[in-house]
Amino acid sequence: MTKLSHQLLGVCGGLLVLSLTANPLCSILFYAGNAFPDVDVLWNDFSSYKTKWYSHRGITHSILIPLFLLLTSACFLLAGSSLYPYMLAFASGVLFHDLCDAMSPTGIPLKLSYYPRFKLWTLYRNRSFSEFVLAVLVAVSLLTSALLLSFRLRTFSKITSLLQQIVDYLR
């Protein structure tokens, strides 16, 4: 995916996280996690020699990284750490980025090496109209989910408040 597609999907995913958690820091960490795998472009010379360090979609796109981060967040949860939701938000952003890239023809590394590669299915070609359409469709569905969830939570909160008032009145 292009940088713009990842940014669009990261912002929309972050808004969904915000509607789920009501925590702006979790939303920001999801977006940061979504941007993290592309940190490899900072040191990448895009040479024809592909290694885990000298290639885009190399080690930073390995599916092992988000799995490790998700496992770490589960350890934080089991330990009762207050860092759990923040680590989960960041890990989810990394996983979201990698899953989006896994739908491209190149796929993502399964291990900490460039090959073998993992592809979910090829839904788009990089910098193509199909990528744009996919990014817009996913963004719209994420925004719609965030809005619906936000509405449901407010409605649920109002219903809960009303039920509490009724219980208080009956006492």
C-alpha atoms as a PDB file:
ATOM      1  CA  MET A   1       0.000   0.000   0.000  1.00  0.00           C
ATOM      2  CA  THR A   2       1.061   3.543  -0.496  1.00  0.00           C
ATOM      3  CA  LYS A   3       1.880   5.848   2.386  1.00  0.00           C
ATOM      4  CA  LEU A   4      -1.386   7.741   1.863  1.00  0.00           C
ATOM      5  CA  SER A   5      -3.481   4.547   1.963  1.00  0.00           C
ATOM      6  CA  HIS A   6      -1.820   3.417   5.181  1.00  0.00           C
ATOM      7  CA  GLN A   7      -2.292   6.853   6.748  1.00  0.00           C
ATOM      8  CA  LEU A   8      -5.969   6.973   5.772  1.00  0.00           C
ATOM      9  CA  LEU A   9      -6.607   3.513   7.175  1.00  0.00           C
ATOM     10  CA  GLY A  10      -4.543   4.279  10.291  1.00  0.00           C
ATOM     11  CA  VAL A  11      -6.592   7.375  11.071  1.00  0.00           C
ATOM     12  CA  CYS A  12      -9.887   5.535  10.519  1.00  0.00           C
ATOM     13  CA  GLY A  13      -8.705   2.575  12.593  1.00  0.00           C
ATOM     14  CA  GLY A  14      -7.576   4.991  15.290  1.00  0.00           C
ATOM     15  CA  LEU A  15     -11.045   6.538  15.346  1.00  0.00           C
ATOM     16  CA  LEU A  16     -12.558   3.080  15.743  1.00  0.00           C
ATOM     17  CA  VAL A  17     -10.168   2.417  18.648  1.00  0.00           C
ATOM     18  CA  LEU A  18     -11.171   5.771  20.149  1.00  0.00           C
ATOM     19  CA  SER A  19     -14.852   4.833  19.960  1.00  0.00           C
ATOM     20  CA  LEU A  20     -14.086   1.467  21.579  1.00  0.00           C
ATOM     21  CA  THR A  21     -11.860   2.739  24.375  1.00  0.00           C
ATOM     22  CA  ALA A  22     -12.737   6.442  24.773  1.00  0.00           C
ATOM     23  CA  ASN A  23      -8.990   6.839  25.295  1.00  0.00           C
ATOM     24  CA  PRO A  24      -7.235   9.244  22.907  1.00  0.00           C
ATOM     25  CA  LEU A  25      -3.798   7.815  23.753  1.00  0.00           C
ATOM     26  CA  CYS A  26      -4.908   4.347  22.598  1.00  0.00           C
ATOM     27  CA  SER A  27      -6.094   5.896  19.345  1.00  0.00           C
ATOM     28  CA  ILE A  28      -2.733   7.638  18.838  1.00  0.00           C
ATOM     29  CA  LEU A  29      -0.837   4.438  19.657  1.00  0.00           C
ATOM     30  CA  PHE A  30      -2.922   2.492  17.123  1.00  0.00           C
ATOM     31  CA  TYR A  31      -1.973   5.057  14.482  1.00  0.00           C
ATOM     32  CA  ALA A  32       1.698   4.910  15.550  1.00  0.00           C
ATOM     33  CA  GLY A  33       1.601   1.106  15.391  1.00  0.00           C
ATOM     34  CA  ASN A  34       0.048   1.313  11.951  1.00  0.00           C
ATOM     35  CA  ALA A  35       2.946   3.534  10.800  1.00  0.00           C
ATOM     36  CA  PHE A  36       5.685   1.520  12.549  1.00  0.00           C
ATOM     37  CA  PRO A  37       6.327  -1.210   9.928  1.00  0.00           C
ATOM     38  CA  ASP A  38       7.273   1.421   7.350  1.00  0.00           C
ATOM     39  CA  VAL A  39      10.118   2.692   9.542  1.00  0.00           C
ATOM     40  CA  ASP A  40      12.340   0.576   7.288  1.00  0.00           C
ATOM     41  CA  VAL A  41      12.159   3.249   4.587  1.00  0.00           C
ATOM     42  CA  LEU A  42      14.290   5.487   6.825  1.00  0.00           C
ATOM     43  CA  TRP A  43      17.378   3.274   6.452  1.00  0.00           C
ATOM     44  CA  ASN A  44      16.479   1.433   3.272  1.00  0.00           C
ATOM     45  CA  ASP A  45      18.534   1.977   0.145  1.00  0.00           C
ATOM     46  CA  PHE A  46      16.135  -0.177  -1.932  1.00  0.00           C
ATOM     47  CA  SER A  47      19.033  -2.056  -3.441  1.00  0.00           C
ATOM     48  CA  SER A  48      18.489  -5.200  -5.441  1.00  0.00           C
ATOM     49  CA  TYR A  49      20.165  -7.149  -2.613  1.00  0.00           C
ATOM     50  CA  LYS A  50      17.232  -8.157  -0.408  1.00  0.00           C
ATOM     51  CA  THR A  51      17.973  -9.028   3.185  1.00  0.00           C
ATOM     52  CA  LYS A  52      15.959  -8.662   6.345  1.00  0.00           C
ATOM     53  CA  TRP A  53      17.550  -5.236   6.878  1.00  0.00           C
ATOM     54  CA  TYR A  54      17.918  -3.855   3.351  1.00  0.00           C
ATOM     55  CA  SER A  55      14.455  -4.069   1.855  1.00  0.00           C
ATOM     56  CA  HIS A  56      11.063  -2.560   2.210  1.00  0.00           C
ATOM     57  CA  ARG A  57       8.651  -5.080   3.692  1.00  0.00           C
ATOM     58  CA  GLY A  58      11.558  -6.873   5.272  1.00  0.00           C
ATOM     59  CA  ILE A  59      12.027  -7.513   8.986  1.00  0.00           C
ATOM     60  CA  THR A  60       9.769  -4.646  10.092  1.00  0.00           C
ATOM     61  CA  HIS A  61       6.859  -6.230   8.196  1.00  0.00           C
ATOM     62  CA  SER A  62       7.359  -9.732   9.592  1.00  0.00           C
ATOM     63  CA  ILE A  63       4.145 -11.213  10.965  1.00  0.00           C
ATOM     64  CA  LEU A  64       6.190 -12.284  14.005  1.00  0.00           C
ATOM     65  CA  ILE A  65       6.479  -8.685  15.260  1.00  0.00           C
ATOM     66  CA  PRO A  66       2.742  -8.024  15.817  1.00  0.00           C
ATOM     67  CA  LEU A  67       2.328 -11.535  17.226  1.00  0.00           C
ATOM     68  CA  PHE A  68       5.144 -10.844  19.714  1.00  0.00           C
ATOM     69  CA  LEU A  69       3.569  -7.483  20.618  1.00  0.00           C
ATOM     70  CA  LEU A  70       0.133  -9.103  21.093  1.00  0.00           C
ATOM     71  CA  LEU A  71       1.696 -11.776  23.306  1.00  0.00           C
ATOM     72  CA  THR A  72       3.426  -9.037  25.311  1.00  0.00           C
ATOM     73  CA  SER A  73       0.137  -7.182  25.753  1.00  0.00           C
ATOM     74  CA  ALA A  74      -1.485 -10.430  26.939  1.00  0.00           C
ATOM     75  CA  CYS A  75       1.326 -10.768  29.521  1.00  0.00           C
ATOM     76  CA  PHE A  76       0.621  -7.191  30.647  1.00  0.00           C
ATOM     77  CA  LEU A  77      -3.059  -8.091  31.013  1.00  0.00           C
ATOM     78  CA  LEU A  78      -2.308 -11.215  33.037  1.00  0.00           C
ATOM     79  CA  ALA A  79       0.095  -9.250  35.227  1.00  0.00           C
ATOM     80  CA  GLY A  80      -2.610  -6.653  35.863  1.00  0.00           C
ATOM     81  CA  SER A  81      -0.530  -3.873  34.313  1.00  0.00           C
ATOM     82  CA  SER A  82      -2.220  -0.612  33.412  1.00  0.00           C
ATOM     83  CA  LEU A  83      -0.067  -0.571  30.237  1.00  0.00           C
ATOM     84  CA  TYR A  84      -2.143  -3.377  28.705  1.00  0.00           C
ATOM     85  CA  PRO A  85      -4.560  -1.249  26.622  1.00  0.00           C
ATOM     86  CA  TYR A  86      -1.717   0.887  25.276  1.00  0.00           C
ATOM     87  CA  MET A  87       0.392  -2.083  24.205  1.00  0.00           C
ATOM     88  CA  LEU A  88      -2.678  -3.745  22.685  1.00  0.00           C
ATOM     89  CA  ALA A  89      -3.518  -0.586  20.705  1.00  0.00           C
ATOM     90  CA  PHE A  90       0.038  -0.334  19.325  1.00  0.00           C
ATOM     91  CA  ALA A  91       0.194  -4.070  18.530  1.00  0.00           C
ATOM     92  CA  SER A  92      -3.201  -3.917  16.796  1.00  0.00           C
ATOM     93  CA  GLY A  93      -1.978  -1.037  14.631  1.00  0.00           C
ATOM     94  CA  VAL A  94       1.107  -3.017  13.566  1.00  0.00           C
ATOM     95  CA  LEU A  95      -1.030  -6.083  12.822  1.00  0.00           C
ATOM     96  CA  PHE A  96      -3.526  -3.977  10.854  1.00  0.00           C
ATOM     97  CA  HIS A  97      -0.712  -2.535   8.708  1.00  0.00           C
ATOM     98  CA  ASP A  98       0.774  -5.967   8.059  1.00  0.00           C
ATOM     99  CA  LEU A  99      -2.593  -7.498   7.151  1.00  0.00           C
ATOM    100  CA  CYS A 100      -3.214  -4.687   4.655  1.00  0.00           C
ATOM    101  CA  ASP A 101       0.189  -5.340   3.076  1.00  0.00           C
ATOM    102  CA  ALA A 102      -0.467  -9.100   3.070  1.00  0.00           C
ATOM    103  CA  MET A 103      -3.227  -8.464   0.519  1.00  0.00           C
ATOM    104  CA  SER A 104      -0.731  -7.116  -2.021  1.00  0.00           C
ATOM    105  CA  PRO A 105       1.094  -9.250  -4.601  1.00  0.00           C
ATOM    106  CA  THR A 106       4.363  -9.000  -2.617  1.00  0.00           C
ATOM    107  CA  GLY A 107       2.875 -10.055   0.705  1.00  0.00           C
ATOM    108  CA  ILE A 108       4.837  -9.898   3.971  1.00  0.00           C
ATOM    109  CA  PRO A 109       7.606 -12.051   5.503  1.00  0.00           C
ATOM    110  CA  LEU A 110       6.574 -15.025   7.594  1.00  0.00           C
ATOM    111  CA  LYS A 111       9.807 -15.003   9.574  1.00  0.00           C
ATOM    112  CA  LEU A 112      12.606 -12.539  10.242  1.00  0.00           C
ATOM    113  CA  SER A 113      13.968 -13.032   6.740  1.00  0.00           C
ATOM    114  CA  TYR A 114      12.723 -11.707   3.407  1.00  0.00           C
ATOM    115  CA  TYR A 115      11.486 -15.130   2.256  1.00  0.00           C
ATOM    116  CA  PRO A 116       9.156 -17.042   2.629  1.00  0.00           C
ATOM    117  CA  ARG A 117       6.335 -14.576   2.093  1.00  0.00           C
ATOM    118  CA  PHE A 118       2.750 -14.664   3.374  1.00  0.00           C
ATOM    119  CA  LYS A 119      -0.200 -13.448   1.293  1.00  0.00           C
ATOM    120  CA  LEU A 120      -3.813 -13.481   2.403  1.00  0.00           C
ATOM    121  CA  TRP A 121      -5.055 -13.002  -1.144  1.00  0.00           C
ATOM    122  CA  THR A 122      -4.167 -10.463  -3.747  1.00  0.00           C
ATOM    123  CA  LEU A 123      -6.818  -7.754  -3.652  1.00  0.00           C
ATOM    124  CA  TYR A 124      -4.835  -4.907  -5.156  1.00  0.00           C
ATOM    125  CA  ARG A 125      -1.660  -3.859  -6.878  1.00  0.00           C
ATOM    126  CA  ASN A 126       0.389  -1.093  -5.282  1.00  0.00           C
ATOM    127  CA  ARG A 127      -0.399   2.412  -6.564  1.00  0.00           C
ATOM    128  CA  SER A 128      -3.380   1.181  -8.560  1.00  0.00           C
ATOM    129  CA  PHE A 129      -7.009   2.194  -8.723  1.00  0.00           C
ATOM    130  CA  SER A 130      -7.957  -1.062  -6.952  1.00  0.00           C
ATOM    131  CA  GLU A 131      -5.759  -0.059  -3.983  1.00  0.00           C
ATOM    132  CA  PHE A 132      -7.491   3.311  -3.835  1.00  0.00           C
ATOM    133  CA  VAL A 133     -10.948   1.688  -3.962  1.00  0.00           C
ATOM    134  CA  LEU A 134      -9.994  -0.870  -1.293  1.00  0.00           C
ATOM    135  CA  ALA A 135      -8.552   1.828   0.987  1.00  0.00           C
ATOM    136  CA  VAL A 136     -11.659   4.006   0.624  1.00  0.00           C
ATOM    137  CA  LEU A 137     -14.029   1.071   1.229  1.00  0.00           C
ATOM    138  CA  VAL A 138     -12.147  -0.052   4.339  1.00  0.00           C
ATOM    139  CA  ALA A 139     -11.909   3.544   5.589  1.00  0.00           C
ATOM    140  CA  VAL A 140     -15.648   4.087   5.125  1.00  0.00           C
ATOM    141  CA  SER A 141     -16.457   0.819   6.907  1.00  0.00           C
ATOM    142  CA  LEU A 142     -14.118   1.696   9.805  1.00  0.00           C
ATOM    143  CA  LEU A 143     -15.632   5.170  10.138  1.00  0.00           C
ATOM    144  CA  THR A 144     -19.160   3.767   9.943  1.00  0.00           C
ATOM    145  CA  SER A 145     -18.308   1.185  12.610  1.00  0.00           C
ATOM    146  CA  ALA A 146     -16.827   3.889  14.829  1.00  0.00           C
ATOM    147  CA  LEU A 147     -19.901   6.093  14.453  1.00  0.00           C
ATOM    148  CA  LEU A 148     -22.346   3.230  15.053  1.00  0.00           C
ATOM    149  CA  LEU A 149     -20.393   2.013  18.048  1.00  0.00           C
ATOM    150  CA  SER A 150     -20.205   5.517  19.468  1.00  0.00           C
ATOM    151  CA  PHE A 151     -23.970   5.918  19.002  1.00  0.00           C
ATOM    152  CA  ARG A 152     -24.682   2.523  20.577  1.00  0.00           C
ATOM    153  CA  LEU A 153     -22.451   3.264  23.560  1.00  0.00           C
ATOM    154  CA  ARG A 154     -24.158   6.617  24.140  1.00  0.00           C
ATOM    155  CA  THR A 155     -27.568   4.948  23.779  1.00  0.00           C
ATOM    156  CA  PHE A 156     -26.493   2.119  26.088  1.00  0.00           C
ATOM    157  CA  SER A 157     -25.237   4.688  28.592  1.00  0.00           C
ATOM    158  CA  LYS A 158     -28.580   6.520  28.470  1.00  0.00           C
ATOM    159  CA  ILE A 159     -30.510   3.277  28.908  1.00  0.00           C
ATOM    160  CA  THR A 160     -28.276   2.250  31.810  1.00  0.00           C
ATOM    161  CA  SER A 161     -28.753   5.665  33.401  1.00  0.00           C
ATOM    162  CA  LEU A 162     -32.518   5.428  32.948  1.00  0.00           C
ATOM    163  CA  LEU A 163     -32.614   1.929  34.469  1.00  0.00           C
ATOM    164  CA  GLN A 164     -30.538   3.171  37.400  1.00  0.00           C
ATOM    165  CA  GLN A 165     -33.003   6.005  37.957  1.00  0.00           C
ATOM    166  CA  ILE A 166     -35.908   3.568  37.910  1.00  0.00           C
ATOM    167  CA  VAL A 167     -34.143   1.274  40.422  1.00  0.00           C
ATOM    168  CA  ASP A 168     -33.353   4.269  42.638  1.00  0.00           C
ATOM    169  CA  TYR A 169     -36.969   5.430  42.424  1.00  0.00           C
ATOM    170  CA  LEU A 170     -38.308   1.974  43.366  1.00  0.00           C
ATOM    171  CA  ARG A 171     -36.073   1.814  46.446  1.00  0.00           C
END
